[in-house]
Structures are given as structure tokens and as C-alpha cells.
Amino acid sequence: MLTRTKACFRKIPAWIEAVVVLFLAFGMAAISGSTHASDDFEFSNTLMIGLVVQQVLIASVCVAILYLRGWKFWKNFPFNWNLKHGALSVGLYAASIVGYVILYNIAVLAVGLDALRSPRLTVTANVGLVVLVSLVNPMFEEMFVVYYLYERLKKYGPLLFISASAVLRVSYHLYQGWLGVISLLPFGVLCALAFWKTRNLMPLYVAHVIGDLLGLLAAPDH
């Protein structure tokens, strides 16, 4: 039965697989974010718990689909710790902050400060849930927005992969408004570029954990 199921799944064109996996991972978040980009947003305990459960379930479904397609995440998952790439994690985060500042100032000069007003984001969740989300969410995102996309686009060269990964990352953060776009675009480009060079998710994951943790802890709670 399993062999027959695998054979059926492997007949599905790669582009259909990509559409299904990426829509499951990010589609609803991108749609919701684009329609509520001007709304205030609260990271409550309920939302944080729901996010973790949702990402674990979606990742399980996507990995199951890819397993039936012949992927073996547990054997080939590109996550390796070493000091050089550990230092790269800090460099990625720092460089993304510099990129954000530069892009923000360019945007202010181009369209004015009023045009860049973003929704108010507050965090009322407890610290334990903030830490949990900051550990789970980066792995979920980097696994699909970088690693999976890389596997599907690597034959087309770095420009398409890096561009697609950065745009996809921005698309499901649209709920953060213009500041989300401006902050996530440099981070997305840098992460995709780093993965193209290193083939290692570890520095991306650690940089993302730092960003999520500091961003959530620094957000106002009311």
C-alpha cells in the first residue's frame, strides 16, 4: 500500500508539489496579512499556542507529502553546528539591522514618514511562550522559505532563488505593515544568500531566533 502511494505521489509534477507545500506553509498567512495589513496585532497566549500547534501540524503534513515524494529530511537536513557558522549567525542578524536602517531611511526620503505608518504590534503572551515561539517559528520558516525553496529552484541559479525566498518571506509578514516589509526584505535576502553559500540552515536559524526573541521581548505589552 505504501509503495503504491509513493508511486502515485511521485508522478505529481514538481511545480504542483511546490504550490501545495508553500501554500500550506505560508498561503493563509500571506492572504490574511495582506487583508489586515493596517490592523493592530496582539501576540497573546492563545495566539502563540495556536501558532506553535499550527506550525507543527503543517510541518508534519508537508514533510509527509515530501517523504512520499522521495525526500528524506532526517538524513539530508542541512543543519550543522560549527564556530564559523555560529559567528555568521550574529553577522547575519547585525547585517539585517544595518540593511533595515538603510532601507528605512531611503523609504522615508522617498515617500515621507507618514506613508510608512504601521499597525501597532503588542505582546501580552508570557515569557515562556515567547521563548517557545522564538525557537519553533524560525525552524518552521527557514525549513520551507529557504531549504525547500532552494531544492526546488537551485538549478535556476542564485538570483531566482534569493529573490523568490525574500519575496515569499515578506509576503507572510505583511500583517506588520511597511515596517515589516522594510525589515524582512534585507533579512530575507541575506538569509537566502548565506544558505546559497553555506548550504547550512544553522546560521539562519540562530539569527532568526535572535531576531524573534529580541523583537517580541522588546514589543510593548499594552
C-alpha atoms as a PDB file:
ATOM      1  CA  MET A   1       0.000   0.000   0.000  1.00  0.00           C
ATOM      2  CA  LEU A   2       2.758   2.463   0.975  1.00  0.00           C
ATOM      3  CA  THR A   3       4.775   1.587  -2.128  1.00  0.00           C
ATOM      4  CA  ARG A   4       1.749   2.213  -4.330  1.00  0.00           C
ATOM      5  CA  THR A   5       1.032   5.518  -2.582  1.00  0.00           C
ATOM      6  CA  LYS A   6       4.648   6.648  -3.068  1.00  0.00           C
ATOM      7  CA  ALA A   7       4.470   5.740  -6.738  1.00  0.00           C
ATOM      8  CA  CYS A   8       1.322   7.864  -7.171  1.00  0.00           C
ATOM      9  CA  PHE A   9       2.788  10.845  -5.338  1.00  0.00           C
ATOM     10  CA  ARG A  10       5.998  10.729  -7.362  1.00  0.00           C
ATOM     11  CA  LYS A  11       4.025  11.132 -10.568  1.00  0.00           C
ATOM     12  CA  ILE A  12       2.876  14.575  -9.441  1.00  0.00           C
ATOM     13  CA  PRO A  13       4.801  17.364 -11.245  1.00  0.00           C
ATOM     14  CA  ALA A  14       7.330  19.214  -9.094  1.00  0.00           C
ATOM     15  CA  TRP A  15       5.602  22.569  -9.617  1.00  0.00           C
ATOM     16  CA  ILE A  16       2.321  21.227  -8.211  1.00  0.00           C
ATOM     17  CA  GLU A  17       4.185  19.861  -5.202  1.00  0.00           C
ATOM     18  CA  ALA A  18       5.791  23.282  -4.676  1.00  0.00           C
ATOM     19  CA  VAL A  19       2.464  25.118  -4.891  1.00  0.00           C
ATOM     20  CA  VAL A  20       0.844  22.747  -2.380  1.00  0.00           C
ATOM     21  CA  VAL A  21       3.723  22.775   0.123  1.00  0.00           C
ATOM     22  CA  LEU A  22       4.287  26.532   0.022  1.00  0.00           C
ATOM     23  CA  PHE A  23       0.577  27.306   0.197  1.00  0.00           C
ATOM     24  CA  LEU A  24       0.176  25.007   3.207  1.00  0.00           C
ATOM     25  CA  ALA A  25       3.178  26.612   4.893  1.00  0.00           C
ATOM     26  CA  PHE A  26       2.563  30.273   4.112  1.00  0.00           C
ATOM     27  CA  GLY A  27      -0.510  30.767   1.924  1.00  0.00           C
ATOM     28  CA  MET A  28      -3.107  31.576   4.548  1.00  0.00           C
ATOM     29  CA  ALA A  29      -0.698  33.794   6.492  1.00  0.00           C
ATOM     30  CA  ALA A  30       0.088  35.758   3.322  1.00  0.00           C
ATOM     31  CA  ILE A  31      -3.607  36.164   2.438  1.00  0.00           C
ATOM     32  CA  SER A  32      -4.572  37.163   5.972  1.00  0.00           C
ATOM     33  CA  GLY A  33      -1.633  39.542   6.279  1.00  0.00           C
ATOM     34  CA  SER A  34      -2.414  41.313   3.025  1.00  0.00           C
ATOM     35  CA  THR A  35      -6.046  41.866   4.002  1.00  0.00           C
ATOM     36  CA  HIS A  36      -5.291  43.017   7.558  1.00  0.00           C
ATOM     37  CA  ALA A  37      -2.062  44.945   6.976  1.00  0.00           C
ATOM     38  CA  SER A  38      -3.408  48.077   8.666  1.00  0.00           C
ATOM     39  CA  ASP A  39      -4.903  46.339  11.717  1.00  0.00           C
ATOM     40  CA  ASP A  40      -3.281  46.363  15.159  1.00  0.00           C
ATOM     41  CA  PHE A  41      -1.978  42.940  16.140  1.00  0.00           C
ATOM     42  CA  GLU A  42      -1.679  41.292  19.560  1.00  0.00           C
ATOM     43  CA  PHE A  43       0.594  38.334  20.281  1.00  0.00           C
ATOM     44  CA  SER A  44      -1.495  36.804  23.055  1.00  0.00           C
ATOM     45  CA  ASN A  45      -1.023  33.497  24.878  1.00  0.00           C
ATOM     46  CA  THR A  46      -3.790  31.965  22.788  1.00  0.00           C
ATOM     47  CA  LEU A  47      -2.268  33.150  19.521  1.00  0.00           C
ATOM     48  CA  MET A  48       1.194  31.908  20.487  1.00  0.00           C
ATOM     49  CA  ILE A  49      -0.063  28.449  21.451  1.00  0.00           C
ATOM     50  CA  GLY A  50      -2.120  28.281  18.271  1.00  0.00           C
ATOM     51  CA  LEU A  51       0.880  29.300  16.173  1.00  0.00           C
ATOM     52  CA  VAL A  52       3.088  26.553  17.594  1.00  0.00           C
ATOM     53  CA  VAL A  53       0.414  23.883  17.181  1.00  0.00           C
ATOM     54  CA  GLN A  54      -0.381  25.086  13.662  1.00  0.00           C
ATOM     55  CA  GLN A  55       3.248  25.095  12.551  1.00  0.00           C
ATOM     56  CA  VAL A  56       3.937  21.647  13.992  1.00  0.00           C
ATOM     57  CA  LEU A  57       0.877  20.221  12.233  1.00  0.00           C
ATOM     58  CA  ILE A  58       1.598  21.944   8.908  1.00  0.00           C
ATOM     59  CA  ALA A  59       5.251  20.891   9.012  1.00  0.00           C
ATOM     60  CA  SER A  60       4.195  17.298   9.706  1.00  0.00           C
ATOM     61  CA  VAL A  61       1.808  17.277   6.743  1.00  0.00           C
ATOM     62  CA  CYS A  62       4.364  18.875   4.405  1.00  0.00           C
ATOM     63  CA  VAL A  63       7.152  16.521   5.490  1.00  0.00           C
ATOM     64  CA  ALA A  64       4.790  13.555   4.978  1.00  0.00           C
ATOM     65  CA  ILE A  65       3.989  14.765   1.457  1.00  0.00           C
ATOM     66  CA  LEU A  66       7.675  15.220   0.686  1.00  0.00           C
ATOM     67  CA  TYR A  67       8.508  11.805   2.170  1.00  0.00           C
ATOM     68  CA  LEU A  68       6.016  10.215  -0.203  1.00  0.00           C
ATOM     69  CA  ARG A  69       7.736  12.180  -2.957  1.00  0.00           C
ATOM     70  CA  GLY A  70      11.112  10.683  -2.029  1.00  0.00           C
ATOM     71  CA  TRP A  71      12.553  13.326   0.312  1.00  0.00           C
ATOM     72  CA  LYS A  72      14.428  12.171   3.430  1.00  0.00           C
ATOM     73  CA  PHE A  73      14.608  15.138   5.762  1.00  0.00           C
ATOM     74  CA  TRP A  74      16.148  13.205   8.641  1.00  0.00           C
ATOM     75  CA  LYS A  75      19.110  12.103   6.512  1.00  0.00           C
ATOM     76  CA  ASN A  76      19.774  15.166   4.383  1.00  0.00           C
ATOM     77  CA  PHE A  77      18.605  18.057   6.579  1.00  0.00           C
ATOM     78  CA  PRO A  78      21.315  20.742   6.234  1.00  0.00           C
ATOM     79  CA  PHE A  79      21.694  21.788   9.865  1.00  0.00           C
ATOM     80  CA  ASN A  80      25.270  21.633  11.112  1.00  0.00           C
ATOM     81  CA  TRP A  81      26.814  23.476  14.036  1.00  0.00           C
ATOM     82  CA  ASN A  82      30.310  24.926  13.830  1.00  0.00           C
ATOM     83  CA  LEU A  83      32.009  28.028  15.232  1.00  0.00           C
ATOM     84  CA  LYS A  84      32.430  29.697  11.844  1.00  0.00           C
ATOM     85  CA  HIS A  85      28.740  29.466  11.046  1.00  0.00           C
ATOM     86  CA  GLY A  86      27.884  30.378  14.631  1.00  0.00           C
ATOM     87  CA  ALA A  87      29.680  33.669  14.110  1.00  0.00           C
ATOM     88  CA  LEU A  88      27.849  34.034  10.805  1.00  0.00           C
ATOM     89  CA  SER A  89      24.550  33.920  12.738  1.00  0.00           C
ATOM     90  CA  VAL A  90      25.451  37.066  14.648  1.00  0.00           C
ATOM     91  CA  GLY A  91      26.745  38.680  11.469  1.00  0.00           C
ATOM     92  CA  LEU A  92      23.502  37.917   9.643  1.00  0.00           C
ATOM     93  CA  TYR A  93      21.409  39.496  12.364  1.00  0.00           C
ATOM     94  CA  ALA A  94      23.639  42.563  12.598  1.00  0.00           C
ATOM     95  CA  ALA A  95      23.755  42.981   8.816  1.00  0.00           C
ATOM     96  CA  SER A  96      19.961  42.727   8.616  1.00  0.00           C
ATOM     97  CA  ILE A  97      19.649  45.571  11.146  1.00  0.00           C
ATOM     98  CA  VAL A  98      22.011  47.717   9.072  1.00  0.00           C
ATOM     99  CA  GLY A  99      20.026  46.834   5.932  1.00  0.00           C
ATOM    100  CA  TYR A 100      16.800  47.771   7.677  1.00  0.00           C
ATOM    101  CA  VAL A 101      18.136  51.163   8.782  1.00  0.00           C
ATOM    102  CA  ILE A 102      19.400  51.950   5.285  1.00  0.00           C
ATOM    103  CA  LEU A 103      16.189  50.831   3.583  1.00  0.00           C
ATOM    104  CA  TYR A 104      14.032  52.659   6.136  1.00  0.00           C
ATOM    105  CA  ASN A 105      15.826  55.940   5.592  1.00  0.00           C
ATOM    106  CA  ILE A 106      15.619  55.557   1.818  1.00  0.00           C
ATOM    107  CA  ALA A 107      11.870  54.919   2.129  1.00  0.00           C
ATOM    108  CA  VAL A 108      11.400  57.945   4.387  1.00  0.00           C
ATOM    109  CA  LEU A 109      13.196  60.153   1.886  1.00  0.00           C
ATOM    110  CA  ALA A 110      11.181  58.691  -0.998  1.00  0.00           C
ATOM    111  CA  VAL A 111       7.629  58.700   0.378  1.00  0.00           C
ATOM    112  CA  GLY A 112       7.751  60.504   3.721  1.00  0.00           C
ATOM    113  CA  LEU A 113       7.322  59.276   7.286  1.00  0.00           C
ATOM    114  CA  ASP A 114       3.523  59.433   7.311  1.00  0.00           C
ATOM    115  CA  ALA A 115       3.271  56.956   4.443  1.00  0.00           C
ATOM    116  CA  LEU A 116       5.243  54.397   6.431  1.00  0.00           C
ATOM    117  CA  ARG A 117       2.980  54.236   9.457  1.00  0.00           C
ATOM    118  CA  SER A 118       2.457  50.630  10.518  1.00  0.00           C
ATOM    119  CA  PRO A 119      -0.052  48.808  12.739  1.00  0.00           C
ATOM    120  CA  ARG A 120       0.712  48.622  16.432  1.00  0.00           C
ATOM    121  CA  LEU A 121       2.072  45.236  17.499  1.00  0.00           C
ATOM    122  CA  THR A 122       1.767  44.274  21.169  1.00  0.00           C
ATOM    123  CA  VAL A 123       2.889  41.168  23.057  1.00  0.00           C
ATOM    124  CA  THR A 124       0.776  40.034  26.014  1.00  0.00           C
ATOM    125  CA  ALA A 125       1.949  36.399  25.973  1.00  0.00           C
ATOM    126  CA  ASN A 126       4.068  35.160  28.872  1.00  0.00           C
ATOM    127  CA  VAL A 127       7.840  34.874  28.512  1.00  0.00           C
ATOM    128  CA  GLY A 128       7.783  31.083  28.293  1.00  0.00           C
ATOM    129  CA  LEU A 129       5.563  31.154  25.224  1.00  0.00           C
ATOM    130  CA  VAL A 130       7.643  33.943  23.685  1.00  0.00           C
ATOM    131  CA  VAL A 131      10.740  31.741  24.023  1.00  0.00           C
ATOM    132  CA  LEU A 132       8.910  28.684  22.673  1.00  0.00           C
ATOM    133  CA  VAL A 133       7.648  30.555  19.609  1.00  0.00           C
ATOM    134  CA  SER A 134      11.101  32.064  19.087  1.00  0.00           C
ATOM    135  CA  LEU A 135      12.535  28.535  18.883  1.00  0.00           C
ATOM    136  CA  VAL A 136       9.808  26.823  16.845  1.00  0.00           C
ATOM    137  CA  ASN A 137       8.846  29.529  14.354  1.00  0.00           C
ATOM    138  CA  PRO A 138      12.364  30.117  12.929  1.00  0.00           C
ATOM    139  CA  MET A 139      12.854  26.408  12.248  1.00  0.00           C
ATOM    140  CA  PHE A 140       9.478  26.175  10.521  1.00  0.00           C
ATOM    141  CA  GLU A 141      10.094  29.223   8.358  1.00  0.00           C
ATOM    142  CA  GLU A 142      13.716  28.531   7.404  1.00  0.00           C
ATOM    143  CA  MET A 143      12.915  24.919   6.574  1.00  0.00           C
ATOM    144  CA  PHE A 144      10.420  25.927   3.899  1.00  0.00           C
ATOM    145  CA  VAL A 145      11.193  29.501   2.841  1.00  0.00           C
ATOM    146  CA  VAL A 146      14.883  28.679   2.363  1.00  0.00           C
ATOM    147  CA  TYR A 147      15.766  24.972   2.350  1.00  0.00           C
ATOM    148  CA  TYR A 148      12.735  23.666   0.478  1.00  0.00           C
ATOM    149  CA  LEU A 149      12.704  26.566  -1.968  1.00  0.00           C
ATOM    150  CA  TYR A 150      16.421  26.105  -2.575  1.00  0.00           C
ATOM    151  CA  GLU A 151      15.908  22.458  -3.508  1.00  0.00           C
ATOM    152  CA  ARG A 152      13.212  23.411  -5.978  1.00  0.00           C
ATOM    153  CA  LEU A 153      14.988  26.428  -7.540  1.00  0.00           C
ATOM    154  CA  LYS A 154      18.729  25.716  -7.267  1.00  0.00           C
ATOM    155  CA  LYS A 155      19.008  24.607 -10.883  1.00  0.00           C
ATOM    156  CA  TYR A 156      17.887  28.076 -11.997  1.00  0.00           C
ATOM    157  CA  GLY A 157      20.722  29.886 -10.236  1.00  0.00           C
ATOM    158  CA  PRO A 158      21.094  32.116  -7.165  1.00  0.00           C
ATOM    159  CA  LEU A 159      19.246  35.202  -8.423  1.00  0.00           C
ATOM    160  CA  LEU A 160      15.869  33.499  -8.786  1.00  0.00           C
ATOM    161  CA  PHE A 161      16.228  31.556  -5.547  1.00  0.00           C
ATOM    162  CA  ILE A 162      17.301  34.544  -3.451  1.00  0.00           C
ATOM    163  CA  SER A 163      14.622  36.802  -4.953  1.00  0.00           C
ATOM    164  CA  ALA A 164      11.838  34.235  -4.561  1.00  0.00           C
ATOM    165  CA  SER A 165      12.838  33.401  -0.986  1.00  0.00           C
ATOM    166  CA  ALA A 166      12.970  37.070   0.066  1.00  0.00           C
ATOM    167  CA  VAL A 167       9.635  37.936  -1.582  1.00  0.00           C
ATOM    168  CA  LEU A 168       7.945  34.877  -0.079  1.00  0.00           C
ATOM    169  CA  ARG A 169       9.280  35.773   3.373  1.00  0.00           C
ATOM    170  CA  VAL A 170       7.905  39.298   3.073  1.00  0.00           C
ATOM    171  CA  SER A 171       4.514  38.047   1.817  1.00  0.00           C
ATOM    172  CA  TYR A 172       3.540  36.292   5.035  1.00  0.00           C
ATOM    173  CA  HIS A 173       4.746  39.195   7.205  1.00  0.00           C
ATOM    174  CA  LEU A 174       2.509  41.787   5.546  1.00  0.00           C
ATOM    175  CA  TYR A 175       0.450  41.991   8.746  1.00  0.00           C
ATOM    176  CA  GLN A 176       3.364  44.074  10.101  1.00  0.00           C
ATOM    177  CA  GLY A 177       2.756  46.779   7.507  1.00  0.00           C
ATOM    178  CA  TRP A 178       5.525  48.734   5.808  1.00  0.00           C
ATOM    179  CA  LEU A 179       7.956  48.277   8.673  1.00  0.00           C
ATOM    180  CA  GLY A 180       7.605  44.513   8.260  1.00  0.00           C
ATOM    181  CA  VAL A 181       8.418  44.756   4.570  1.00  0.00           C
ATOM    182  CA  ILE A 182      11.377  47.047   5.166  1.00  0.00           C
ATOM    183  CA  SER A 183      12.822  44.921   7.968  1.00  0.00           C
ATOM    184  CA  LEU A 184      12.176  41.487   6.469  1.00  0.00           C
ATOM    185  CA  LEU A 185      13.407  42.182   2.945  1.00  0.00           C
ATOM    186  CA  PRO A 186      17.095  42.643   3.902  1.00  0.00           C
ATOM    187  CA  PHE A 187      16.899  39.693   6.294  1.00  0.00           C
ATOM    188  CA  GLY A 188      15.338  37.501   3.610  1.00  0.00           C
ATOM    189  CA  VAL A 189      17.957  38.387   1.022  1.00  0.00           C
ATOM    190  CA  LEU A 190      20.827  37.846   3.469  1.00  0.00           C
ATOM    191  CA  CYS A 191      19.481  34.500   4.694  1.00  0.00           C
ATOM    192  CA  ALA A 192      18.961  33.148   1.181  1.00  0.00           C
ATOM    193  CA  LEU A 193      22.413  34.342   0.145  1.00  0.00           C
ATOM    194  CA  ALA A 194      24.010  32.784   3.233  1.00  0.00           C
ATOM    195  CA  PHE A 195      22.308  29.455   2.556  1.00  0.00           C
ATOM    196  CA  TRP A 196      23.377  29.504  -1.097  1.00  0.00           C
ATOM    197  CA  LYS A 197      26.965  29.932   0.078  1.00  0.00           C
ATOM    198  CA  THR A 198      26.991  27.579   3.080  1.00  0.00           C
ATOM    199  CA  ARG A 199      24.197  25.051   2.465  1.00  0.00           C
ATOM    200  CA  ASN A 200      23.624  25.230   6.219  1.00  0.00           C
ATOM    201  CA  LEU A 201      20.403  26.298   7.944  1.00  0.00           C
ATOM    202  CA  MET A 202      22.033  26.690  11.347  1.00  0.00           C
ATOM    203  CA  PRO A 203      23.259  30.297  10.974  1.00  0.00           C
ATOM    204  CA  LEU A 204      19.898  31.334   9.510  1.00  0.00           C
ATOM    205  CA  TYR A 205      18.020  29.630  12.328  1.00  0.00           C
ATOM    206  CA  VAL A 206      20.110  31.194  15.095  1.00  0.00           C
ATOM    207  CA  ALA A 207      19.909  34.666  13.521  1.00  0.00           C
ATOM    208  CA  HIS A 208      16.134  34.248  13.202  1.00  0.00           C
ATOM    209  CA  VAL A 209      15.839  33.107  16.839  1.00  0.00           C
ATOM    210  CA  ILE A 210      17.765  36.189  17.970  1.00  0.00           C
ATOM    211  CA  GLY A 211      15.540  38.452  15.873  1.00  0.00           C
ATOM    212  CA  ASP A 212      12.267  36.893  17.043  1.00  0.00           C
ATOM    213  CA  LEU A 213      13.275  36.781  20.688  1.00  0.00           C
ATOM    214  CA  LEU A 214      14.553  40.345  20.873  1.00  0.00           C
ATOM    215  CA  GLY A 215      11.685  41.692  18.773  1.00  0.00           C
ATOM    216  CA  LEU A 216       8.970  40.013  20.867  1.00  0.00           C
ATOM    217  CA  LEU A 217      10.560  40.844  24.221  1.00  0.00           C
ATOM    218  CA  ALA A 218      11.037  44.473  23.201  1.00  0.00           C
ATOM    219  CA  ALA A 219       7.463  44.932  21.944  1.00  0.00           C
ATOM    220  CA  PRO A 220       5.009  46.833  24.182  1.00  0.00           C
ATOM    221  CA  ASP A 221       2.650  44.723  26.272  1.00  0.00           C
ATOM    222  CA  HIS A 222      -0.368  47.026  26.106  1.00  0.00           C
END
